[in-house]
Amino acid sequence: MVVFEGLNLDVDRGEMLALVGESGAGKSTLLHLLGGLDAPTSGAIYYGSTEISKLAHAEQSDFRNREIGFVWQIHYLLPEFTALENVMMPLLIRGMPHAKAAAESLARLDEVGLHARASHRAGELSGGEQQRVVLARALAGRPSVLLADEPTGNLDFRTGEMIFELLEGLHRSHQLTSVFVTHNWDFARRCDRVLSLDKGGLVPGLPPGHVTGSQPGGQSEYL
């Protein structure tokens, strides 16, 4: 099955890009390719001058750990660990000393307003708090790129608005390059650029006939 064919994408450093499209269009697959989680069957993916799609497995893992922050619709927090311990995980995997990892992680939790909840287990947190822990974890390693797949998809409107405002602020304060997959067209319009994925290709802007407030059910190069 061909998902993309003749696809070309440039993402500028510092840009906040929204990817929209119908379910099954390949948005998550494209995000996985950009993050080095999947490899293209043909073509290439570049991070600056580095062709990440040709890196060895260990090199790709190290690249993701140091350069990419991931935010998923499902939080994938470890319920038996505290918020602080969950945020520390990528840093400990990197080999950072425990004390430094704890300090860095606590600083990120403070940024998302969860300093006081650092010692609570993930299962003791609300859905919005869990997603804020995910944001803190994504930024703990000080990445240059943030990839978010439906970061507000499982949240109510008010909580989703709060999370997206937080994403906007963190994008600026951390000088990130961000790519968001979203079904929320209002959130998409607040990004620097919107691309619609349709029939394996990318089209500038929202899909034709979109209504504000509604939520509809090759080679890739970035930076």
Protein backbone atom coordinates (compact mmCIF):
# COMPACT_ATOMS: atom_id res chain seq x y z
CA MET A 1 0.00 0.00 0.00
CA VAL A 2 1.38 3.41 -1.00
CA VAL A 3 0.74 6.11 1.63
CA PHE A 4 2.80 8.93 0.10
CA GLU A 5 4.10 9.36 -3.42
CA GLY A 6 6.19 12.29 -4.65
CA LEU A 7 5.80 14.04 -1.30
CA ASN A 8 8.09 17.00 -0.61
CA LEU A 9 8.03 18.99 2.62
CA ASP A 10 10.27 21.72 4.00
CA VAL A 11 9.77 22.92 7.57
CA ASP A 12 11.60 26.12 8.46
CA ARG A 13 13.54 26.40 11.70
CA GLY A 14 11.32 28.02 14.32
CA GLU A 15 8.11 27.35 12.39
CA MET A 16 4.89 26.09 13.98
CA LEU A 17 3.24 23.90 11.34
CA ALA A 18 -0.18 22.25 11.50
CA LEU A 19 -0.99 19.07 9.57
CA VAL A 20 -4.69 18.40 9.02
CA GLY A 21 -6.69 15.89 7.00
CA GLU A 22 -9.22 13.12 7.24
CA SER A 23 -8.64 10.13 9.50
CA GLY A 24 -6.47 7.61 7.69
CA ALA A 25 -4.88 10.20 5.40
CA GLY A 26 -1.43 9.43 6.79
CA LYS A 27 -0.85 12.33 9.19
CA SER A 28 0.50 10.16 12.00
CA THR A 29 2.62 8.18 9.54
CA LEU A 30 4.19 11.40 8.28
CA LEU A 31 4.90 12.49 11.86
CA HIS A 32 6.55 9.12 12.56
CA LEU A 33 8.75 9.57 9.49
CA LEU A 34 9.79 13.07 10.55
CA GLY A 35 10.69 11.78 13.99
CA GLY A 36 12.73 8.86 12.71
CA LEU A 37 10.30 6.30 14.15
CA ASP A 38 9.59 4.91 10.68
CA ALA A 39 11.80 4.77 7.61
CA PRO A 40 10.60 5.64 4.08
CA THR A 41 10.71 2.90 1.46
CA SER A 42 12.19 5.49 -0.92
CA GLY A 43 13.29 9.08 -0.70
CA ALA A 44 15.08 10.73 2.21
CA ILE A 45 14.45 12.65 5.41
CA TYR A 46 16.92 15.34 6.39
CA TYR A 47 17.48 17.19 9.63
CA GLY A 48 19.65 20.05 8.47
CA SER A 49 22.39 18.36 6.49
CA THR A 50 21.98 15.01 8.26
CA GLU A 51 20.01 12.32 6.47
CA ILE A 52 18.35 10.76 9.49
CA SER A 53 16.61 8.09 7.43
CA LYS A 54 20.01 6.51 6.77
CA LEU A 55 21.29 6.55 10.36
CA ALA A 56 21.96 3.26 12.11
CA HIS A 57 19.35 2.16 14.65
CA ALA A 58 21.40 3.26 17.67
CA GLU A 59 22.18 6.60 16.03
CA GLN A 60 18.51 7.19 15.29
CA SER A 61 17.59 6.43 18.89
CA ASP A 62 20.20 8.89 20.13
CA PHE A 63 18.98 11.49 17.62
CA ARG A 64 15.38 11.17 18.83
CA ASN A 65 16.42 11.34 22.48
CA ARG A 66 18.41 14.54 21.99
CA GLU A 67 16.61 16.42 19.23
CA ILE A 68 12.94 15.39 19.19
CA GLY A 69 10.21 15.87 21.76
CA PHE A 70 7.10 13.74 21.19
CA VAL A 71 3.57 14.44 22.41
CA TRP A 72 0.93 11.82 21.67
CA GLN A 73 -2.84 11.80 22.00
CA ILE A 74 -2.46 8.86 24.41
CA HIS A 75 -0.07 9.97 27.13
CA TYR A 76 1.85 6.68 27.61
CA LEU A 77 2.82 7.61 31.17
CA LEU A 78 3.97 4.84 33.49
CA PRO A 79 1.21 4.71 36.13
CA GLU A 80 3.39 3.25 38.88
CA PHE A 81 5.82 6.18 38.68
CA THR A 82 5.39 9.76 39.82
CA ALA A 83 5.07 12.72 37.47
CA LEU A 84 8.68 13.62 38.19
CA GLU A 85 9.93 10.10 37.52
CA ASN A 86 8.04 9.96 34.23
CA VAL A 87 9.62 13.22 33.07
CA MET A 88 13.07 12.03 34.12
CA MET A 89 12.96 8.84 32.02
CA PRO A 90 14.41 10.23 28.75
CA LEU A 91 17.22 11.95 30.65
CA LEU A 92 18.15 8.82 32.59
CA ILE A 93 18.15 6.84 29.34
CA ARG A 94 20.56 9.46 27.98
CA GLY A 95 22.86 8.76 30.91
CA MET A 96 22.34 12.02 32.79
CA PRO A 97 23.15 11.81 36.53
CA HIS A 98 20.06 11.28 38.67
CA ALA A 99 20.30 14.55 40.58
CA LYS A 100 20.70 16.64 37.42
CA ALA A 101 17.87 14.76 35.69
CA ALA A 102 15.60 15.42 38.67
CA ALA A 103 16.44 19.14 38.69
CA GLU A 104 15.88 19.51 34.94
CA SER A 105 12.62 17.57 35.12
CA LEU A 106 11.31 19.57 38.06
CA ALA A 107 12.04 22.77 36.14
CA ARG A 108 9.98 21.50 33.19
CA LEU A 109 7.11 20.51 35.49
CA ASP A 110 7.23 24.00 36.94
CA GLU A 111 6.92 25.41 33.42
CA VAL A 112 3.67 23.52 32.86
CA GLY A 113 2.28 24.42 36.30
CA LEU A 114 2.76 21.04 37.97
CA HIS A 115 5.58 21.67 40.45
CA ALA A 116 3.23 20.89 43.33
CA ARG A 117 2.09 17.63 41.70
CA ALA A 118 5.58 16.27 40.97
CA SER A 119 5.38 13.54 43.61
CA HIS A 120 1.91 12.30 42.56
CA ARG A 121 1.66 9.09 40.57
CA ALA A 122 0.40 9.42 37.00
CA GLY A 123 -2.87 7.65 37.85
CA GLU A 124 -3.62 10.28 40.48
CA LEU A 125 -3.60 13.10 37.95
CA SER A 126 -6.45 14.42 35.81
CA GLY A 127 -6.40 14.05 32.03
CA GLY A 128 -5.22 17.62 31.57
CA GLU A 129 -2.51 17.20 34.20
CA GLN A 130 -1.32 13.98 32.57
CA GLN A 131 -1.00 15.75 29.23
CA ARG A 132 0.99 18.52 30.90
CA VAL A 133 3.34 15.86 32.28
CA VAL A 134 3.72 14.62 28.70
CA LEU A 135 4.66 18.15 27.61
CA ALA A 136 7.22 18.40 30.39
CA ARG A 137 8.66 15.01 29.43
CA ALA A 138 8.87 16.04 25.77
CA LEU A 139 10.87 19.14 26.70
CA ALA A 140 13.01 17.64 29.45
CA GLY A 141 15.89 16.91 27.08
CA ARG A 142 15.76 20.42 25.56
CA PRO A 143 14.91 19.23 22.02
CA SER A 144 15.00 21.43 18.95
CA VAL A 145 11.89 19.85 17.39
CA LEU A 146 8.48 19.14 18.92
CA LEU A 147 6.19 16.65 17.18
CA ALA A 148 2.64 16.44 18.53
CA ASP A 149 -0.02 13.98 17.33
CA GLU A 150 -3.53 15.13 18.33
CA PRO A 151 -2.26 16.59 21.64
CA THR A 152 -5.76 17.77 22.60
CA GLY A 153 -7.77 14.94 21.02
CA ASN A 154 -8.79 13.23 24.28
CA LEU A 155 -9.52 16.41 26.23
CA ASP A 156 -12.63 18.51 26.71
CA PHE A 157 -12.78 21.89 24.97
CA ARG A 158 -11.62 24.03 27.90
CA THR A 159 -8.74 21.72 28.83
CA GLY A 160 -7.76 21.37 25.17
CA GLU A 161 -7.64 25.15 24.81
CA MET A 162 -5.40 25.39 27.86
CA ILE A 163 -3.05 22.70 26.52
CA PHE A 164 -2.80 24.36 23.11
CA GLU A 165 -2.08 27.76 24.68
CA LEU A 166 0.64 26.05 26.69
CA LEU A 167 2.04 24.49 23.51
CA GLU A 168 2.11 27.90 21.83
CA GLY A 169 3.96 29.44 24.76
CA LEU A 170 6.48 26.61 25.02
CA HIS A 171 7.09 26.74 21.28
CA ARG A 172 8.17 30.36 21.65
CA SER A 173 10.03 30.14 24.96
CA HIS A 174 12.04 27.07 23.91
CA GLN A 175 12.58 28.35 20.35
CA LEU A 176 11.23 25.10 18.94
CA THR A 177 10.37 23.92 15.47
CA SER A 178 6.93 22.37 15.96
CA VAL A 179 4.73 20.13 13.82
CA PHE A 180 1.22 19.48 15.13
CA VAL A 181 -1.24 16.93 13.77
CA THR A 182 -4.73 18.07 14.70
CA HIS A 183 -8.38 17.69 13.80
CA ASN A 184 -9.14 21.00 15.51
CA TRP A 185 -9.16 23.54 12.71
CA ASP A 186 -9.32 26.50 15.09
CA PHE A 187 -6.03 25.37 16.62
CA ALA A 188 -4.57 24.75 13.15
CA ARG A 189 -5.34 28.31 12.05
CA ARG A 190 -3.29 29.66 14.96
CA CYS A 191 -0.13 28.02 13.60
CA ASP A 192 2.30 29.74 11.23
CA ARG A 193 1.25 27.46 8.38
CA VAL A 194 -1.37 24.80 7.69
CA LEU A 195 -0.99 21.89 5.29
CA SER A 196 -3.78 19.47 4.42
CA LEU A 197 -2.86 15.87 3.67
CA ASP A 198 -5.03 14.49 0.89
CA LYS A 199 -4.51 11.45 -1.36
CA GLY A 200 -0.86 11.20 -0.41
CA GLY A 201 -0.07 14.85 -1.14
CA LEU A 202 0.16 18.09 0.80
CA VAL A 203 -2.04 21.09 -0.04
CA PRO A 204 -1.57 24.53 1.57
CA GLY A 205 -4.36 25.63 3.88
CA LEU A 206 -7.37 23.95 5.42
CA PRO A 207 -9.53 21.58 3.36
CA PRO A 208 -12.10 23.29 1.08
CA GLY A 209 -15.40 24.11 2.77
CA HIS A 210 -14.03 24.04 6.33
CA VAL A 211 -16.08 25.73 9.02
CA THR A 212 -14.37 27.50 11.91
CA GLY A 213 -15.02 25.69 15.16
CA SER A 214 -15.66 22.31 13.55
CA GLN A 215 -13.59 19.17 13.86
CA PRO A 216 -13.79 16.79 10.87
CA GLY A 217 -14.24 13.27 11.73
CA GLY A 218 9.09 10.83 -2.17
CA GLN A 219 11.40 13.12 -0.17
CA SER A 220 10.79 14.95 3.02
CA GLU A 221 13.10 17.65 4.27
CA TYR A 222 12.79 19.74 7.40
CA LEU A 223 14.97 22.24 9.17
